[in-house]
Amino acid sequence: MVKYDNQNIKISDCLILIGWNFYKKGDFYSAKAKYIDAIKILNQEFDRANKNEIVELTAKGLYNLGILLSNEGNYNFAIRAYNVSERIYSLTGNEKNCARSKVAKAIVYSLKNINSKALSEYFNELKIYEKLDNISVQTSILGNIGFTYYNLKEYDKALDYYHRALTLAQKQKNLIYEAQLHENIGSVYDEQLNISEAEKSYNKAMQILEKTNDLSGIWANTINRASINLKKNNYDTALYQYKAAYDYFFQSNDLRGRLVCLVELGRIYIIKNKLP
């Protein structure tokens, strides 16, 4: 019997890792291309090698691809990618990653403002991870519940869940998520027009982001700080920040970030044209 050479499986695994590295650098376009290439190779190899290994890698590639599709605003395709990933993990008995796909899908529901579905998924998964005593995932879910309540404009509940998540993040010394939660808390205060508290939260986030050299996070938070400057009538500073952020999001193919910047730039130009 000829022993099968699983070189293509190794190549697919490497492509997924390379794609993740591009994603962390903020190069979403290159990351997406690597994930798609990996999935194509795995599909071609399905009947010729160790199916369990191929299935697991395919599910991983689809999960990562879902993240990219969500960042691009392709929410329906992101949900499809997560659904297939979830089904594959379920069939292979990988309950942990199956639950992870469900949580990711719930995030997209939140982004699509399908909040009832999002909350249902979150609360179900939170119970599972509380039983497993998995503090890391609990932190993520609590933060996502806060985000959903933020979408519903139930700001007191949003702050409650954000602060619960922040406490767990600080306990784990998870700087990346701690920064994100400071940003989220700032967003709630921003919506409530509590400018001083919003600015404090955004500044705390930026200190952490600069410490961890998280470029994607730094530029996302630059938008938040620009929002504060806009509310404080610091139009030139806000204009500069939105333009710089737009340039970054253009290079990284982040359509959602570019859209936010364009809308706010238009708002500033309208205001400036009305000024005496």
C-alpha atoms as a PDB file:
ATOM      1  CA  MET A   1       0.000   0.000   0.000  1.00  0.00           C
ATOM      2  CA  VAL A   2       1.274   3.445  -0.914  1.00  0.00           C
ATOM      3  CA  LYS A   3       1.479   5.724   2.098  1.00  0.00           C
ATOM      4  CA  TYR A   4      -0.372   8.960   1.523  1.00  0.00           C
ATOM      5  CA  ASP A   5       1.727  12.136   1.596  1.00  0.00           C
ATOM      6  CA  ASN A   6      -0.175  14.651   3.701  1.00  0.00           C
ATOM      7  CA  GLN A   7       1.894  17.604   2.492  1.00  0.00           C
ATOM      8  CA  ASN A   8      -1.220  19.499   1.341  1.00  0.00           C
ATOM      9  CA  ILE A   9      -2.730  19.211   4.819  1.00  0.00           C
ATOM     10  CA  LYS A  10       0.420  20.732   6.298  1.00  0.00           C
ATOM     11  CA  ILE A  11       0.309  23.467   3.667  1.00  0.00           C
ATOM     12  CA  SER A  12      -3.314  24.239   4.580  1.00  0.00           C
ATOM     13  CA  ASP A  13      -2.431  24.379   8.261  1.00  0.00           C
ATOM     14  CA  CYS A  14       0.398  26.807   7.476  1.00  0.00           C
ATOM     15  CA  LEU A  15      -1.891  28.948   5.317  1.00  0.00           C
ATOM     16  CA  ILE A  16      -4.367  29.260   8.189  1.00  0.00           C
ATOM     17  CA  LEU A  17      -1.565  30.260  10.575  1.00  0.00           C
ATOM     18  CA  ILE A  18      -0.218  32.793   8.067  1.00  0.00           C
ATOM     19  CA  GLY A  19      -3.734  34.141   7.585  1.00  0.00           C
ATOM     20  CA  TRP A  20      -4.111  34.628  11.334  1.00  0.00           C
ATOM     21  CA  ASN A  21      -0.785  36.466  11.430  1.00  0.00           C
ATOM     22  CA  PHE A  22      -1.983  38.811   8.661  1.00  0.00           C
ATOM     23  CA  TYR A  23      -5.218  39.349  10.604  1.00  0.00           C
ATOM     24  CA  LYS A  24      -3.347  40.331  13.776  1.00  0.00           C
ATOM     25  CA  LYS A  25      -1.327  42.831  11.717  1.00  0.00           C
ATOM     26  CA  GLY A  26      -4.545  44.340  10.379  1.00  0.00           C
ATOM     27  CA  ASP A  27      -4.028  43.061   6.815  1.00  0.00           C
ATOM     28  CA  PHE A  28      -7.534  41.617   6.406  1.00  0.00           C
ATOM     29  CA  TYR A  29      -7.332  41.285   2.635  1.00  0.00           C
ATOM     30  CA  SER A  30      -4.292  38.982   2.757  1.00  0.00           C
ATOM     31  CA  ALA A  31      -5.707  37.041   5.706  1.00  0.00           C
ATOM     32  CA  LYS A  32      -8.943  36.322   3.846  1.00  0.00           C
ATOM     33  CA  ALA A  33      -7.041  35.127   0.770  1.00  0.00           C
ATOM     34  CA  LYS A  34      -4.971  32.678   2.853  1.00  0.00           C
ATOM     35  CA  TYR A  35      -8.053  31.220   4.574  1.00  0.00           C
ATOM     36  CA  ILE A  36      -9.840  30.715   1.247  1.00  0.00           C
ATOM     37  CA  ASP A  37      -6.762  29.050  -0.272  1.00  0.00           C
ATOM     38  CA  ALA A  38      -6.524  26.695   2.702  1.00  0.00           C
ATOM     39  CA  ILE A  39     -10.208  25.714   2.515  1.00  0.00           C
ATOM     40  CA  LYS A  40      -9.943  25.049  -1.235  1.00  0.00           C
ATOM     41  CA  ILE A  41      -6.984  22.712  -0.731  1.00  0.00           C
ATOM     42  CA  LEU A  42      -8.739  20.883   2.109  1.00  0.00           C
ATOM     43  CA  ASN A  43     -11.851  20.361  -0.013  1.00  0.00           C
ATOM     44  CA  GLN A  44      -9.734  18.802  -2.769  1.00  0.00           C
ATOM     45  CA  GLU A  45      -8.042  16.459  -0.299  1.00  0.00           C
ATOM     46  CA  PHE A  46     -11.175  15.347   1.567  1.00  0.00           C
ATOM     47  CA  ASP A  47     -11.424  11.822   0.101  1.00  0.00           C
ATOM     48  CA  ARG A  48      -7.704  11.114   0.014  1.00  0.00           C
ATOM     49  CA  ALA A  49      -6.372  11.526   3.524  1.00  0.00           C
ATOM     50  CA  ASN A  50      -7.118  11.534   7.216  1.00  0.00           C
ATOM     51  CA  LYS A  51     -10.641  12.921   7.207  1.00  0.00           C
ATOM     52  CA  ASN A  52     -10.647  13.869  10.887  1.00  0.00           C
ATOM     53  CA  GLU A  53      -7.608  16.097  10.435  1.00  0.00           C
ATOM     54  CA  ILE A  54      -9.068  17.683   7.300  1.00  0.00           C
ATOM     55  CA  VAL A  55     -12.451  18.245   8.921  1.00  0.00           C
ATOM     56  CA  GLU A  56     -10.912  19.958  11.958  1.00  0.00           C
ATOM     57  CA  LEU A  57      -8.748  22.219   9.801  1.00  0.00           C
ATOM     58  CA  THR A  58     -11.700  23.068   7.548  1.00  0.00           C
ATOM     59  CA  ALA A  59     -13.775  24.073  10.564  1.00  0.00           C
ATOM     60  CA  LYS A  60     -10.904  26.208  11.856  1.00  0.00           C
ATOM     61  CA  GLY A  61     -10.460  27.889   8.470  1.00  0.00           C
ATOM     62  CA  LEU A  62     -14.187  28.622   8.210  1.00  0.00           C
ATOM     63  CA  TYR A  63     -14.264  30.049  11.722  1.00  0.00           C
ATOM     64  CA  ASN A  64     -11.361  32.387  10.952  1.00  0.00           C
ATOM     65  CA  LEU A  65     -12.919  33.302   7.614  1.00  0.00           C
ATOM     66  CA  GLY A  66     -16.118  34.212   9.455  1.00  0.00           C
ATOM     67  CA  ILE A  67     -14.168  36.744  11.496  1.00  0.00           C
ATOM     68  CA  LEU A  68     -12.869  38.393   8.319  1.00  0.00           C
ATOM     69  CA  LEU A  69     -16.285  38.401   6.636  1.00  0.00           C
ATOM     70  CA  SER A  70     -17.781  40.016   9.711  1.00  0.00           C
ATOM     71  CA  ASN A  71     -15.083  42.718   9.700  1.00  0.00           C
ATOM     72  CA  GLU A  72     -15.916  43.404   6.043  1.00  0.00           C
ATOM     73  CA  GLY A  73     -19.604  43.767   6.870  1.00  0.00           C
ATOM     74  CA  ASN A  74     -20.543  40.563   4.989  1.00  0.00           C
ATOM     75  CA  TYR A  75     -22.673  39.428   7.907  1.00  0.00           C
ATOM     76  CA  ASN A  76     -24.843  36.869   6.110  1.00  0.00           C
ATOM     77  CA  PHE A  77     -21.800  35.067   4.704  1.00  0.00           C
ATOM     78  CA  ALA A  78     -20.101  35.277   8.102  1.00  0.00           C
ATOM     79  CA  ILE A  79     -23.099  33.550   9.694  1.00  0.00           C
ATOM     80  CA  ARG A  80     -22.946  30.834   7.013  1.00  0.00           C
ATOM     81  CA  ALA A  81     -19.250  30.269   7.690  1.00  0.00           C
ATOM     82  CA  TYR A  82     -19.869  30.029  11.435  1.00  0.00           C
ATOM     83  CA  ASN A  83     -22.849  27.699  10.920  1.00  0.00           C
ATOM     84  CA  VAL A  84     -20.802  25.231   8.875  1.00  0.00           C
ATOM     85  CA  SER A  85     -17.907  25.482  11.320  1.00  0.00           C
ATOM     86  CA  GLU A  86     -20.303  24.860  14.208  1.00  0.00           C
ATOM     87  CA  ARG A  87     -21.838  21.800  12.513  1.00  0.00           C
ATOM     88  CA  ILE A  88     -18.439  20.313  11.728  1.00  0.00           C
ATOM     89  CA  TYR A  89     -17.194  20.753  15.293  1.00  0.00           C
ATOM     90  CA  SER A  90     -20.449  19.260  16.582  1.00  0.00           C
ATOM     91  CA  LEU A  91     -20.087  16.177  14.359  1.00  0.00           C
ATOM     92  CA  THR A  92     -16.491  15.644  15.494  1.00  0.00           C
ATOM     93  CA  GLY A  93     -17.456  16.007  19.159  1.00  0.00           C
ATOM     94  CA  ASN A  94     -15.383  19.158  19.662  1.00  0.00           C
ATOM     95  CA  GLU A  95     -17.832  20.850  22.035  1.00  0.00           C
ATOM     96  CA  LYS A  96     -15.462  23.648  23.022  1.00  0.00           C
ATOM     97  CA  ASN A  97     -14.926  24.904  19.469  1.00  0.00           C
ATOM     98  CA  CYS A  98     -18.571  24.278  18.606  1.00  0.00           C
ATOM     99  CA  ALA A  99     -19.544  26.634  21.423  1.00  0.00           C
ATOM    100  CA  ARG A 100     -16.920  29.125  20.226  1.00  0.00           C
ATOM    101  CA  SER A 101     -18.531  29.185  16.769  1.00  0.00           C
ATOM    102  CA  LYS A 102     -21.940  29.765  18.358  1.00  0.00           C
ATOM    103  CA  VAL A 103     -20.610  32.713  20.343  1.00  0.00           C
ATOM    104  CA  ALA A 104     -18.998  34.176  17.209  1.00  0.00           C
ATOM    105  CA  LYS A 105     -22.288  33.792  15.364  1.00  0.00           C
ATOM    106  CA  ALA A 106     -24.080  35.565  18.191  1.00  0.00           C
ATOM    107  CA  ILE A 107     -21.675  38.486  17.758  1.00  0.00           C
ATOM    108  CA  VAL A 108     -22.791  38.810  14.150  1.00  0.00           C
ATOM    109  CA  TYR A 109     -26.425  38.713  15.262  1.00  0.00           C
ATOM    110  CA  SER A 110     -25.594  41.640  17.542  1.00  0.00           C
ATOM    111  CA  LEU A 111     -23.985  43.508  14.648  1.00  0.00           C
ATOM    112  CA  LYS A 112     -27.083  42.839  12.529  1.00  0.00           C
ATOM    113  CA  ASN A 113     -29.254  44.061  15.431  1.00  0.00           C
ATOM    114  CA  ILE A 114     -30.944  40.666  15.754  1.00  0.00           C
ATOM    115  CA  ASN A 115     -30.590  41.098  19.486  1.00  0.00           C
ATOM    116  CA  SER A 116     -33.030  38.479  20.739  1.00  0.00           C
ATOM    117  CA  LYS A 117     -31.111  35.711  18.930  1.00  0.00           C
ATOM    118  CA  ALA A 118     -27.823  37.118  20.148  1.00  0.00           C
ATOM    119  CA  LEU A 119     -28.867  37.218  23.805  1.00  0.00           C
ATOM    120  CA  SER A 120     -30.343  33.717  23.618  1.00  0.00           C
ATOM    121  CA  GLU A 121     -27.064  32.318  22.271  1.00  0.00           C
ATOM    122  CA  TYR A 122     -24.967  34.245  24.800  1.00  0.00           C
ATOM    123  CA  PHE A 123     -26.910  33.248  27.911  1.00  0.00           C
ATOM    124  CA  ASN A 124     -27.004  29.578  26.856  1.00  0.00           C
ATOM    125  CA  GLU A 125     -23.259  29.500  26.244  1.00  0.00           C
ATOM    126  CA  LEU A 126     -22.529  31.449  29.441  1.00  0.00           C
ATOM    127  CA  LYS A 127     -24.144  28.665  31.499  1.00  0.00           C
ATOM    128  CA  ILE A 128     -21.969  26.079  29.770  1.00  0.00           C
ATOM    129  CA  TYR A 129     -18.729  27.943  30.389  1.00  0.00           C
ATOM    130  CA  GLU A 130     -19.654  28.713  33.995  1.00  0.00           C
ATOM    131  CA  LYS A 131     -19.997  24.960  34.566  1.00  0.00           C
ATOM    132  CA  LEU A 132     -16.653  24.408  32.841  1.00  0.00           C
ATOM    133  CA  ASP A 133     -15.168  27.199  35.007  1.00  0.00           C
ATOM    134  CA  ASN A 134     -13.685  28.720  31.852  1.00  0.00           C
ATOM    135  CA  ILE A 135     -13.126  32.299  32.959  1.00  0.00           C
ATOM    136  CA  SER A 136     -11.613  33.404  29.652  1.00  0.00           C
ATOM    137  CA  VAL A 137     -14.701  32.586  27.598  1.00  0.00           C
ATOM    138  CA  GLN A 138     -17.004  33.867  30.339  1.00  0.00           C
ATOM    139  CA  THR A 139     -15.225  37.209  30.047  1.00  0.00           C
ATOM    140  CA  SER A 140     -15.856  37.315  26.310  1.00  0.00           C
ATOM    141  CA  ILE A 141     -19.519  36.358  26.620  1.00  0.00           C
ATOM    142  CA  LEU A 142     -20.194  38.884  29.393  1.00  0.00           C
ATOM    143  CA  GLY A 143     -18.653  41.577  27.212  1.00  0.00           C
ATOM    144  CA  ASN A 144     -20.782  40.498  24.257  1.00  0.00           C
ATOM    145  CA  ILE A 145     -23.934  40.597  26.357  1.00  0.00           C
ATOM    146  CA  GLY A 146     -22.957  44.134  27.322  1.00  0.00           C
ATOM    147  CA  PHE A 147     -22.562  45.004  23.648  1.00  0.00           C
ATOM    148  CA  THR A 148     -26.011  43.616  22.844  1.00  0.00           C
ATOM    149  CA  TYR A 149     -27.624  45.671  25.587  1.00  0.00           C
ATOM    150  CA  TYR A 150     -25.701  48.649  24.209  1.00  0.00           C
ATOM    151  CA  ASN A 151     -27.374  48.012  20.847  1.00  0.00           C
ATOM    152  CA  LEU A 152     -30.724  47.946  22.647  1.00  0.00           C
ATOM    153  CA  LYS A 153     -29.814  51.280  24.303  1.00  0.00           C
ATOM    154  CA  GLU A 154     -30.201  49.663  27.730  1.00  0.00           C
ATOM    155  CA  TYR A 155     -27.102  51.446  28.943  1.00  0.00           C
ATOM    156  CA  ASP A 156     -27.251  50.554  32.646  1.00  0.00           C
ATOM    157  CA  LYS A 157     -27.336  46.848  31.789  1.00  0.00           C
ATOM    158  CA  ALA A 158     -24.572  47.356  29.232  1.00  0.00           C
ATOM    159  CA  LEU A 159     -22.314  49.005  31.825  1.00  0.00           C
ATOM    160  CA  ASP A 160     -23.099  46.269  34.353  1.00  0.00           C
ATOM    161  CA  TYR A 161     -22.009  43.454  32.022  1.00  0.00           C
ATOM    162  CA  TYR A 162     -19.023  45.399  30.687  1.00  0.00           C
ATOM    163  CA  HIS A 163     -17.737  45.991  34.224  1.00  0.00           C
ATOM    164  CA  ARG A 164     -18.277  42.325  35.146  1.00  0.00           C
ATOM    165  CA  ALA A 165     -16.253  41.344  32.086  1.00  0.00           C
ATOM    166  CA  LEU A 166     -13.577  43.936  32.868  1.00  0.00           C
ATOM    167  CA  THR A 167     -13.125  42.534  36.379  1.00  0.00           C
ATOM    168  CA  LEU A 168     -12.509  39.060  34.954  1.00  0.00           C
ATOM    169  CA  ALA A 169     -10.172  40.406  32.238  1.00  0.00           C
ATOM    170  CA  GLN A 170      -8.070  42.227  34.837  1.00  0.00           C
ATOM    171  CA  LYS A 171      -8.026  39.103  36.988  1.00  0.00           C
ATOM    172  CA  GLN A 172      -6.583  37.158  34.045  1.00  0.00           C
ATOM    173  CA  LYS A 173      -4.268  40.039  33.064  1.00  0.00           C
ATOM    174  CA  ASN A 174      -5.776  39.897  29.581  1.00  0.00           C
ATOM    175  CA  LEU A 175      -4.564  43.278  28.335  1.00  0.00           C
ATOM    176  CA  ILE A 176      -6.084  42.989  24.867  1.00  0.00           C
ATOM    177  CA  TYR A 177      -9.586  42.390  26.136  1.00  0.00           C
ATOM    178  CA  GLU A 178      -9.145  44.842  28.991  1.00  0.00           C
ATOM    179  CA  ALA A 179      -8.446  47.568  26.424  1.00  0.00           C
ATOM    180  CA  GLN A 180     -11.491  46.589  24.384  1.00  0.00           C
ATOM    181  CA  LEU A 181     -13.726  46.721  27.446  1.00  0.00           C
ATOM    182  CA  HIS A 182     -12.452  50.172  28.390  1.00  0.00           C
ATOM    183  CA  GLU A 183     -13.383  51.246  24.855  1.00  0.00           C
ATOM    184  CA  ASN A 184     -16.834  49.691  25.165  1.00  0.00           C
ATOM    185  CA  ILE A 185     -17.452  51.365  28.499  1.00  0.00           C
ATOM    186  CA  GLY A 186     -16.324  54.634  26.927  1.00  0.00           C
ATOM    187  CA  SER A 187     -18.829  54.110  24.109  1.00  0.00           C
ATOM    188  CA  VAL A 188     -21.683  53.847  26.605  1.00  0.00           C
ATOM    189  CA  TYR A 189     -20.645  57.069  28.310  1.00  0.00           C
ATOM    190  CA  ASP A 190     -20.204  58.617  24.866  1.00  0.00           C
ATOM    191  CA  GLU A 191     -23.813  57.788  23.980  1.00  0.00           C
ATOM    192  CA  GLN A 192     -24.946  59.236  27.303  1.00  0.00           C
ATOM    193  CA  LEU A 193     -22.967  62.421  26.493  1.00  0.00           C
ATOM    194  CA  ASN A 194     -20.883  61.900  29.633  1.00  0.00           C
ATOM    195  CA  ILE A 195     -17.837  63.212  27.792  1.00  0.00           C
ATOM    196  CA  SER A 196     -15.398  63.282  30.709  1.00  0.00           C
ATOM    197  CA  GLU A 197     -15.995  59.621  31.645  1.00  0.00           C
ATOM    198  CA  ALA A 198     -15.933  58.542  28.002  1.00  0.00           C
ATOM    199  CA  GLU A 199     -12.605  60.289  27.463  1.00  0.00           C
ATOM    200  CA  LYS A 200     -11.132  58.648  30.580  1.00  0.00           C
ATOM    201  CA  SER A 201     -12.140  55.199  29.352  1.00  0.00           C
ATOM    202  CA  TYR A 202     -10.794  55.779  25.829  1.00  0.00           C
ATOM    203  CA  ASN A 203      -7.503  57.054  27.242  1.00  0.00           C
ATOM    204  CA  LYS A 204      -7.164  53.963  29.465  1.00  0.00           C
ATOM    205  CA  ALA A 205      -7.740  51.791  26.415  1.00  0.00           C
ATOM    206  CA  MET A 206      -5.151  53.682  24.353  1.00  0.00           C
ATOM    207  CA  GLN A 207      -2.480  53.283  27.045  1.00  0.00           C
ATOM    208  CA  ILE A 208      -2.925  49.513  26.919  1.00  0.00           C
ATOM    209  CA  LEU A 209      -3.143  49.355  23.116  1.00  0.00           C
ATOM    210  CA  GLU A 210       0.088  51.290  22.706  1.00  0.00           C
ATOM    211  CA  LYS A 211       1.755  49.055  25.288  1.00  0.00           C
ATOM    212  CA  THR A 212       0.724  45.919  23.367  1.00  0.00           C
ATOM    213  CA  ASN A 213       1.361  47.528  19.948  1.00  0.00           C
ATOM    214  CA  ASP A 214      -2.122  46.537  18.748  1.00  0.00           C
ATOM    215  CA  LEU A 215      -2.332  48.569  15.518  1.00  0.00           C
ATOM    216  CA  SER A 216      -5.877  47.541  14.658  1.00  0.00           C
ATOM    217  CA  GLY A 217      -7.033  48.440  18.162  1.00  0.00           C
ATOM    218  CA  ILE A 218      -5.125  51.724  18.189  1.00  0.00           C
ATOM    219  CA  TRP A 219      -6.818  52.964  15.027  1.00  0.00           C
ATOM    220  CA  ALA A 220     -10.260  51.765  16.111  1.00  0.00           C
ATOM    221  CA  ASN A 221      -9.781  53.690  19.344  1.00  0.00           C
ATOM    222  CA  THR A 222      -8.572  56.712  17.362  1.00  0.00           C
ATOM    223  CA  ILE A 223     -12.107  56.898  15.964  1.00  0.00           C
ATOM    224  CA  ASN A 224     -13.453  56.947  19.522  1.00  0.00           C
ATOM    225  CA  ARG A 225     -11.152  59.763  20.528  1.00  0.00           C
ATOM    226  CA  ALA A 226     -12.077  61.652  17.366  1.00  0.00           C
ATOM    227  CA  SER A 227     -15.717  61.358  18.425  1.00  0.00           C
ATOM    228  CA  ILE A 228     -14.846  63.034  21.728  1.00  0.00           C
ATOM    229  CA  ASN A 229     -12.991  65.844  19.973  1.00  0.00           C
ATOM    230  CA  LEU A 230     -15.975  66.343  17.689  1.00  0.00           C
ATOM    231  CA  LYS A 231     -18.295  66.692  20.688  1.00  0.00           C
ATOM    232  CA  LYS A 232     -15.831  69.143  22.269  1.00  0.00           C
ATOM    233  CA  ASN A 233     -15.888  71.185  19.018  1.00  0.00           C
ATOM    234  CA  ASN A 234     -12.213  70.403  18.336  1.00  0.00           C
ATOM    235  CA  TYR A 235     -13.027  70.049  14.635  1.00  0.00           C
ATOM    236  CA  ASP A 236      -9.523  70.226  13.185  1.00  0.00           C
ATOM    237  CA  THR A 237      -8.204  67.562  15.571  1.00  0.00           C
ATOM    238  CA  ALA A 238     -11.181  65.293  14.884  1.00  0.00           C
ATOM    239  CA  LEU A 239     -10.762  65.823  11.142  1.00  0.00           C
ATOM    240  CA  TYR A 240      -7.106  64.832  11.286  1.00  0.00           C
ATOM    241  CA  GLN A 241      -7.863  61.727  13.373  1.00  0.00           C
ATOM    242  CA  TYR A 242     -10.660  60.505  11.090  1.00  0.00           C
ATOM    243  CA  LYS A 243      -8.523  61.041   7.971  1.00  0.00           C
ATOM    244  CA  ALA A 244      -5.586  59.127   9.481  1.00  0.00           C
ATOM    245  CA  ALA A 245      -7.872  56.311  10.607  1.00  0.00           C
ATOM    246  CA  TYR A 246      -9.486  56.135   7.161  1.00  0.00           C
ATOM    247  CA  ASP A 247      -6.070  55.701   5.524  1.00  0.00           C
ATOM    248  CA  TYR A 248      -5.301  52.793   7.836  1.00  0.00           C
ATOM    249  CA  PHE A 249      -8.673  51.098   7.273  1.00  0.00           C
ATOM    250  CA  PHE A 250      -8.315  51.557   3.511  1.00  0.00           C
ATOM    251  CA  GLN A 251      -4.976  49.741   3.539  1.00  0.00           C
ATOM    252  CA  SER A 252      -6.321  46.948   5.746  1.00  0.00           C
ATOM    253  CA  ASN A 253      -9.530  46.545   3.687  1.00  0.00           C
ATOM    254  CA  ASP A 254     -11.721  47.188   6.741  1.00  0.00           C
ATOM    255  CA  LEU A 255     -14.906  48.391   5.028  1.00  0.00           C
ATOM    256  CA  ARG A 256     -16.795  49.009   8.243  1.00  0.00           C
ATOM    257  CA  GLY A 257     -14.022  51.222   9.636  1.00  0.00           C
ATOM    258  CA  ARG A 258     -13.813  53.170   6.379  1.00  0.00           C
ATOM    259  CA  LEU A 259     -17.572  53.725   6.366  1.00  0.00           C
ATOM    260  CA  VAL A 260     -17.545  55.101   9.919  1.00  0.00           C
ATOM    261  CA  CYS A 261     -14.719  57.500   9.029  1.00  0.00           C
ATOM    262  CA  LEU A 262     -16.428  58.725   5.846  1.00  0.00           C
ATOM    263  CA  VAL A 263     -19.701  59.409   7.649  1.00  0.00           C
ATOM    264  CA  GLU A 264     -17.963  61.373  10.395  1.00  0.00           C
ATOM    265  CA  LEU A 265     -15.753  63.267   7.935  1.00  0.00           C
ATOM    266  CA  GLY A 266     -18.890  64.325   6.083  1.00  0.00           C
ATOM    267  CA  ARG A 267     -20.434  65.458   9.347  1.00  0.00           C
ATOM    268  CA  ILE A 268     -17.391  67.608  10.169  1.00  0.00           C
ATOM    269  CA  TYR A 269     -17.296  69.217   6.710  1.00  0.00           C
ATOM    270  CA  ILE A 270     -20.979  70.115   7.034  1.00  0.00           C
ATOM    271  CA  ILE A 271     -20.368  71.667  10.459  1.00  0.00           C
ATOM    272  CA  LYS A 272     -17.272  73.570   9.319  1.00  0.00           C
ATOM    273  CA  ASN A 273     -19.085  74.983   6.285  1.00  0.00           C
ATOM    274  CA  LYS A 274     -21.797  76.305   8.584  1.00  0.00           C
ATOM    275  CA  LEU A 275     -19.333  78.003  10.872  1.00  0.00           C
ATOM    276  CA  PRO A 276     -18.938  81.809  10.504  1.00  0.00           C
END
